[in-house]
C-alpha atoms as a PDB file:
ATOM      1  CA  UNK A   1     137.739-191.295 -89.704  1.00  0.00           C
ATOM      2  CA  UNK A   2     136.659-188.111 -91.453  1.00  0.00           C
ATOM      3  CA  UNK A   3     137.677-187.629 -95.086  1.00  0.00           C
ATOM      4  CA  UNK A   4     137.900-184.295 -96.906  1.00  0.00           C
ATOM      5  CA  UNK A   5     138.076-184.180-100.704  1.00  0.00           C
ATOM      6  CA  UNK A   6     138.301-180.923-102.677  1.00  0.00           C
ATOM      7  CA  UNK A   7     137.703-180.449-106.411  1.00  0.00           C
ATOM      8  CA  UNK A   8     137.387-177.408-108.709  1.00  0.00           C
ATOM      9  CA  UNK A   9     133.636-176.910-109.217  1.00  0.00           C
ATOM     10  CA  UNK A  10     134.040-177.424-112.965  1.00  0.00           C
ATOM     11  CA  UNK A  11     136.376-180.459-112.796  1.00  0.00           C
ATOM     12  CA  UNK A  12     134.875-183.191-110.578  1.00  0.00           C
ATOM     13  CA  UNK A  13     137.539-185.651-111.777  1.00  0.00           C
ATOM     14  CA  UNK A  14     140.463-183.452-110.656  1.00  0.00           C
ATOM     15  CA  UNK A  15     141.203-183.896-106.936  1.00  0.00           C
ATOM     16  CA  UNK A  16     142.927-180.870-105.409  1.00  0.00           C
ATOM     17  CA  UNK A  17     143.118-182.334-101.901  1.00  0.00           C
ATOM     18  CA  UNK A  18     142.139-185.584-100.219  1.00  0.00           C
ATOM     19  CA  UNK A  19     143.023-185.996 -96.554  1.00  0.00           C
ATOM     20  CA  UNK A  20     141.983-187.653 -93.302  1.00  0.00           C
ATOM     21  CA  UNK A  21     144.331-185.457 -91.235  1.00  0.00           C
ATOM     22  CA  UNK A  22     142.204-183.503 -88.737  1.00  0.00           C
ATOM     23  CA  UNK A  23     144.534-180.498 -88.715  1.00  0.00           C
ATOM     24  CA  UNK A  24     144.489-180.284 -92.513  1.00  0.00           C
ATOM     25  CA  UNK A  25     140.687-180.618 -92.540  1.00  0.00           C
ATOM     26  CA  UNK A  26     140.282-177.809 -89.983  1.00  0.00           C
ATOM     27  CA  UNK A  27     142.704-175.559 -91.907  1.00  0.00           C
ATOM     28  CA  UNK A  28     141.152-176.162 -95.338  1.00  0.00           C
ATOM     29  CA  UNK A  29     137.573-175.718 -94.148  1.00  0.00           C
ATOM     30  CA  UNK A  30     138.614-172.604 -92.226  1.00  0.00           C
ATOM     31  CA  UNK A  31     139.949-171.158 -95.475  1.00  0.00           C
ATOM     32  CA  UNK A  32     136.386-171.108 -96.849  1.00  0.00           C
ATOM     33  CA  UNK A  33     134.749-169.991 -93.587  1.00  0.00           C
ATOM     34  CA  UNK A  34     133.538-173.463 -92.547  1.00  0.00           C
ATOM     35  CA  UNK A  35     134.404-175.237 -89.319  1.00  0.00           C
ATOM     36  CA  UNK A  36     135.150-178.731 -88.114  1.00  0.00           C
ATOM     37  CA  UNK A  37     135.421-180.207 -84.615  1.00  0.00           C
ATOM     38  CA  UNK A  38     134.793-183.451 -82.768  1.00  0.00           C
ATOM     39  CA  UNK A  39     132.464-184.076 -79.836  1.00  0.00           C
ATOM     40  CA  UNK A  40     132.229-187.174 -77.647  1.00  0.00           C
ATOM     41  CA  UNK A  41     129.690-189.765 -78.770  1.00  0.00           C
ATOM     42  CA  UNK A  42     127.289-191.254 -76.244  1.00  0.00           C
ATOM     43  CA  UNK A  43     126.454-194.829 -77.279  1.00  0.00           C
ATOM     44  CA  UNK A  44     122.910-196.113 -77.197  1.00  0.00           C
ATOM     45  CA  UNK A  45     121.138-192.740 -77.232  1.00  0.00           C
ATOM     46  CA  UNK A  46     117.664-192.928 -78.766  1.00  0.00           C
ATOM     47  CA  UNK A  47     116.630-190.254 -81.252  1.00  0.00           C
ATOM     48  CA  UNK A  48     114.176-188.917 -78.672  1.00  0.00           C
ATOM     49  CA  UNK A  49     116.943-188.418 -76.086  1.00  0.00           C
ATOM     50  CA  UNK A  50     119.574-186.887 -78.377  1.00  0.00           C
ATOM     51  CA  UNK A  51     118.785-183.260 -77.542  1.00  0.00           C
ATOM     52  CA  UNK A  52     118.679-183.985 -73.805  1.00  0.00           C
ATOM     53  CA  UNK A  53     122.034-185.823 -73.848  1.00  0.00           C
ATOM     54  CA  UNK A  54     123.790-183.184 -75.970  1.00  0.00           C
ATOM     55  CA  UNK A  55     122.132-180.061 -74.581  1.00  0.00           C
ATOM     56  CA  UNK A  56     125.307-178.624 -73.044  1.00  0.00           C
ATOM     57  CA  UNK A  57     127.308-179.054 -76.229  1.00  0.00           C
ATOM     58  CA  UNK A  58     124.523-177.555 -78.353  1.00  0.00           C
ATOM     59  CA  UNK A  59     124.277-174.576 -76.003  1.00  0.00           C
ATOM     60  CA  UNK A  60     128.043-174.094 -76.310  1.00  0.00           C
ATOM     61  CA  UNK A  61     127.573-173.637 -80.088  1.00  0.00           C
ATOM     62  CA  UNK A  62     124.958-170.927 -79.767  1.00  0.00           C
ATOM     63  CA  UNK A  63     126.374-169.142 -76.728  1.00  0.00           C
ATOM     64  CA  UNK A  64     122.967-168.982 -75.070  1.00  0.00           C
ATOM     65  CA  UNK A  65     121.995-165.830 -76.943  1.00  0.00           C
ATOM     66  CA  UNK A  66     120.388-165.003 -80.225  1.00  0.00           C
ATOM     67  CA  UNK A  67     117.878-166.668 -82.462  1.00  0.00           C
ATOM     68  CA  UNK A  68     118.466-170.297 -83.396  1.00  0.00           C
ATOM     69  CA  UNK A  69     116.636-173.570 -83.932  1.00  0.00           C
ATOM     70  CA  UNK A  70     117.682-177.107 -83.059  1.00  0.00           C
ATOM     71  CA  UNK A  71     116.305-180.355 -84.432  1.00  0.00           C
ATOM     72  CA  UNK A  72     117.332-183.981 -84.954  1.00  0.00           C
ATOM     73  CA  UNK A  73     116.842-184.952 -88.600  1.00  0.00           C
ATOM     74  CA  UNK A  74     117.448-188.651 -89.197  1.00  0.00           C
ATOM     75  CA  UNK A  75     118.137-190.353 -92.514  1.00  0.00           C
ATOM     76  CA  UNK A  76     117.475-187.264 -94.601  1.00  0.00           C
ATOM     77  CA  UNK A  77     117.178-187.837 -98.311  1.00  0.00           C
ATOM     78  CA  UNK A  78     119.825-186.223-100.537  1.00  0.00           C
ATOM     79  CA  UNK A  79     118.858-182.858-101.935  1.00  0.00           C
ATOM     80  CA  UNK A  80     119.942-180.501-104.681  1.00  0.00           C
ATOM     81  CA  UNK A  81     122.463-177.751-104.103  1.00  0.00           C
ATOM     82  CA  UNK A  82     120.946-175.012-101.965  1.00  0.00           C
ATOM     83  CA  UNK A  83     121.709-172.343 -99.396  1.00  0.00           C
ATOM     84  CA  UNK A  84     119.597-171.637 -96.369  1.00  0.00           C
ATOM     85  CA  UNK A  85     121.128-168.212 -95.836  1.00  0.00           C
ATOM     86  CA  UNK A  86     122.108-168.613 -92.160  1.00  0.00           C
ATOM     87  CA  UNK A  87     124.927-170.658 -90.647  1.00  0.00           C
ATOM     88  CA  UNK A  88     124.267-174.275 -89.731  1.00  0.00           C
ATOM     89  CA  UNK A  89     126.071-176.751 -87.473  1.00  0.00           C
ATOM     90  CA  UNK A  90     125.698-180.503 -87.943  1.00  0.00           C
ATOM     91  CA  UNK A  91     126.714-182.846 -85.143  1.00  0.00           C
ATOM     92  CA  UNK A  92     126.821-186.450 -86.336  1.00  0.00           C
ATOM     93  CA  UNK A  93     125.352-188.665 -83.631  1.00  0.00           C
ATOM     94  CA  UNK A  94     125.201-191.934 -85.576  1.00  0.00           C
ATOM     95  CA  UNK A  95     126.086-193.211 -89.039  1.00  0.00           C
ATOM     96  CA  UNK A  96     127.892-191.322 -91.779  1.00  0.00           C
ATOM     97  CA  UNK A  97     127.116-188.856 -94.566  1.00  0.00           C
ATOM     98  CA  UNK A  98     128.930-186.570 -96.986  1.00  0.00           C
ATOM     99  CA  UNK A  99     128.254-182.856 -96.884  1.00  0.00           C
ATOM    100  CA  UNK A 100     129.341-180.977-100.003  1.00  0.00           C
ATOM    101  CA  UNK A 101     130.161-177.284 -99.595  1.00  0.00           C
ATOM    102  CA  UNK A 102     130.296-175.232-102.810  1.00  0.00           C
ATOM    103  CA  UNK A 103     132.462-172.329-101.707  1.00  0.00           C
ATOM    104  CA  UNK A 104     133.701-170.018-104.432  1.00  0.00           C
ATOM    105  CA  UNK A 105     134.951-172.131-107.331  1.00  0.00           C
ATOM    106  CA  UNK A 106     135.599-175.278-105.262  1.00  0.00           C
ATOM    107  CA  UNK A 107     133.547-178.151-103.905  1.00  0.00           C
ATOM    108  CA  UNK A 108     134.594-179.500-100.502  1.00  0.00           C
ATOM    109  CA  UNK A 109     133.178-182.955 -99.700  1.00  0.00           C
ATOM    110  CA  UNK A 110     133.367-183.801 -96.001  1.00  0.00           C
ATOM    111  CA  UNK A 111     132.666-187.460 -95.207  1.00  0.00           C
ATOM    112  CA  UNK A 112     131.511-187.144 -91.594  1.00  0.00           C
ATOM    113  CA  UNK A 113     130.987-189.879 -89.010  1.00  0.00           C
ATOM    114  CA  UNK A 114     129.670-190.072 -85.451  1.00  0.00           C
ATOM    115  CA  UNK A 115     131.323-187.408 -83.303  1.00  0.00           C
ATOM    116  CA  UNK A 116     132.064-184.974 -86.141  1.00  0.00           C
ATOM    117  CA  UNK A 117     130.733-181.409 -86.039  1.00  0.00           C
ATOM    118  CA  UNK A 118     130.602-179.544 -89.339  1.00  0.00           C
ATOM    119  CA  UNK A 119     129.816-175.820 -89.510  1.00  0.00           C
ATOM    120  CA  UNK A 120     128.395-174.602 -92.803  1.00  0.00           C
ATOM    121  CA  UNK A 121     128.836-170.843 -93.098  1.00  0.00           C
ATOM    122  CA  UNK A 122     125.951-168.522 -93.958  1.00  0.00           C
ATOM    123  CA  UNK A 123     125.368-168.274 -97.683  1.00  0.00           C
ATOM    124  CA  UNK A 124     127.497-171.267 -98.704  1.00  0.00           C
ATOM    125  CA  UNK A 125     125.642-173.510-101.137  1.00  0.00           C
ATOM    126  CA  UNK A 126     125.635-177.158-100.110  1.00  0.00           C
ATOM    127  CA  UNK A 127     124.053-180.576-100.519  1.00  0.00           C
ATOM    128  CA  UNK A 128     124.492-183.973 -98.909  1.00  0.00           C
ATOM    129  CA  UNK A 129     124.464-187.706 -99.575  1.00  0.00           C
ATOM    130  CA  UNK A 130     124.408-190.195 -96.735  1.00  0.00           C
ATOM    131  CA  UNK A 131     124.145-193.700 -95.499  1.00  0.00           C
ATOM    132  CA  UNK A 132     120.700-194.996 -94.585  1.00  0.00           C
ATOM    133  CA  UNK A 133     121.023-194.692 -90.814  1.00  0.00           C
ATOM    134  CA  UNK A 134     122.708-191.367 -90.112  1.00  0.00           C
ATOM    135  CA  UNK A 135     121.367-189.064 -87.400  1.00  0.00           C
ATOM    136  CA  UNK A 136     122.482-185.477 -86.839  1.00  0.00           C
ATOM    137  CA  UNK A 137     121.739-182.648 -84.465  1.00  0.00           C
ATOM    138  CA  UNK A 138     121.178-179.568 -86.626  1.00  0.00           C
ATOM    139  CA  UNK A 139     121.620-176.082 -85.169  1.00  0.00           C
ATOM    140  CA  UNK A 140     120.476-173.290 -87.477  1.00  0.00           C
ATOM    141  CA  UNK A 141     121.136-169.604 -87.022  1.00  0.00           C
ATOM    142  CA  UNK A 142     119.117-167.281 -89.256  1.00  0.00           C
ATOM    143  CA  UNK A 143     120.527-164.444 -91.283  1.00  0.00           C
ATOM    144  CA  UNK A 144     123.190-164.107 -93.864  1.00  0.00           C
ATOM    145  CA  UNK A 145     122.805-163.533 -97.543  1.00  0.00           C
ATOM    146  CA  UNK A 146     122.686-166.279-100.122  1.00  0.00           C
ATOM    147  CA  UNK A 147     126.048-166.429-101.878  1.00  0.00           C
ATOM    148  CA  UNK A 148     126.270-165.839-105.591  1.00  0.00           C
ATOM    149  CA  UNK A 149     127.336-168.925-107.487  1.00  0.00           C
ATOM    150  CA  UNK A 150     129.543-168.642-110.534  1.00  0.00           C
ATOM    151  CA  UNK A 151     128.429-172.065-111.736  1.00  0.00           C
ATOM    152  CA  UNK A 152     125.559-174.148-110.424  1.00  0.00           C
ATOM    153  CA  UNK A 153     126.614-177.675-109.541  1.00  0.00           C
ATOM    154  CA  UNK A 154     124.667-180.806-110.320  1.00  0.00           C
ATOM    155  CA  UNK A 155     125.268-182.970-107.231  1.00  0.00           C
ATOM    156  CA  UNK A 156     125.561-186.194-109.282  1.00  0.00           C
ATOM    157  CA  UNK A 157     128.624-184.781-111.074  1.00  0.00           C
ATOM    158  CA  UNK A 158     130.755-185.439-108.000  1.00  0.00           C
ATOM    159  CA  UNK A 159     131.499-188.799-106.341  1.00  0.00           C
ATOM    160  CA  UNK A 160     128.721-189.803-103.958  1.00  0.00           C
ATOM    161  CA  UNK A 161     128.699-191.290-100.482  1.00  0.00           C
ATOM    162  CA  UNK A 162     129.288-194.881-101.620  1.00  0.00           C
ATOM    163  CA  UNK A 163     132.203-193.989-103.861  1.00  0.00           C
ATOM    164  CA  UNK A 164     133.921-191.821-101.239  1.00  0.00           C
ATOM    165  CA  UNK A 165     133.523-194.511 -98.560  1.00  0.00           C
ATOM    166  CA  UNK A 166     134.971-197.110-100.947  1.00  0.00           C
ATOM    167  CA  UNK A 167     137.941-194.866-101.743  1.00  0.00           C
ATOM    168  CA  UNK A 168     138.667-194.353 -98.059  1.00  0.00           C
ATOM    169  CA  UNK A 169     138.296-198.002 -97.149  1.00  0.00           C
ATOM    170  CA  UNK A 170     140.533-198.897-100.089  1.00  0.00           C
ATOM    171  CA  UNK A 171     143.332-196.874 -98.499  1.00  0.00           C
ATOM    172  CA  UNK A 172     143.532-194.380-101.373  1.00  0.00           C
ATOM    173  CA  UNK A 173     144.145-191.325 -99.231  1.00  0.00           C
ATOM    174  CA  UNK A 174     145.989-188.774-101.279  1.00  0.00           C
ATOM    175  CA  UNK A 175     146.822-185.142-100.782  1.00  0.00           C
ATOM    176  CA  UNK A 176     148.016-182.524-103.178  1.00  0.00           C
END
């Protein structure tokens, strides 16, 4: 199940929100312009067939018009905080990863699993940390302006994939 954890960007030890409730995740991410949904997972799809099997759902994200790109990155290495400018959707086909969204003065860590769709708004700085076998469909839409950041974040300051998975498995789901 998806886990959302929110911290102030200058206090990685101070949890503002930790929840697995889908409604709370949608509401909190919506507050910062991000999105969250779930799509059905087709078992046994090879990486080469992912775009064919999910074509209709991908087309529903882009509305058939405009400029966009679609690819299937698998097992991406973690990267430093960055912003690509345009909006980006990530559909998790297999495995799990944490996407960190640095929106305003908060960091939102979304531990996503197969079936989750995360929308990263244009200009929101982000980074990720994932398990070794995760596969996503990435839909990028160009445009937007890179957001100004009050404070740059060093990704290692915040709990990583392994720590967040351990917290969730341990039943420590808190909110508030």
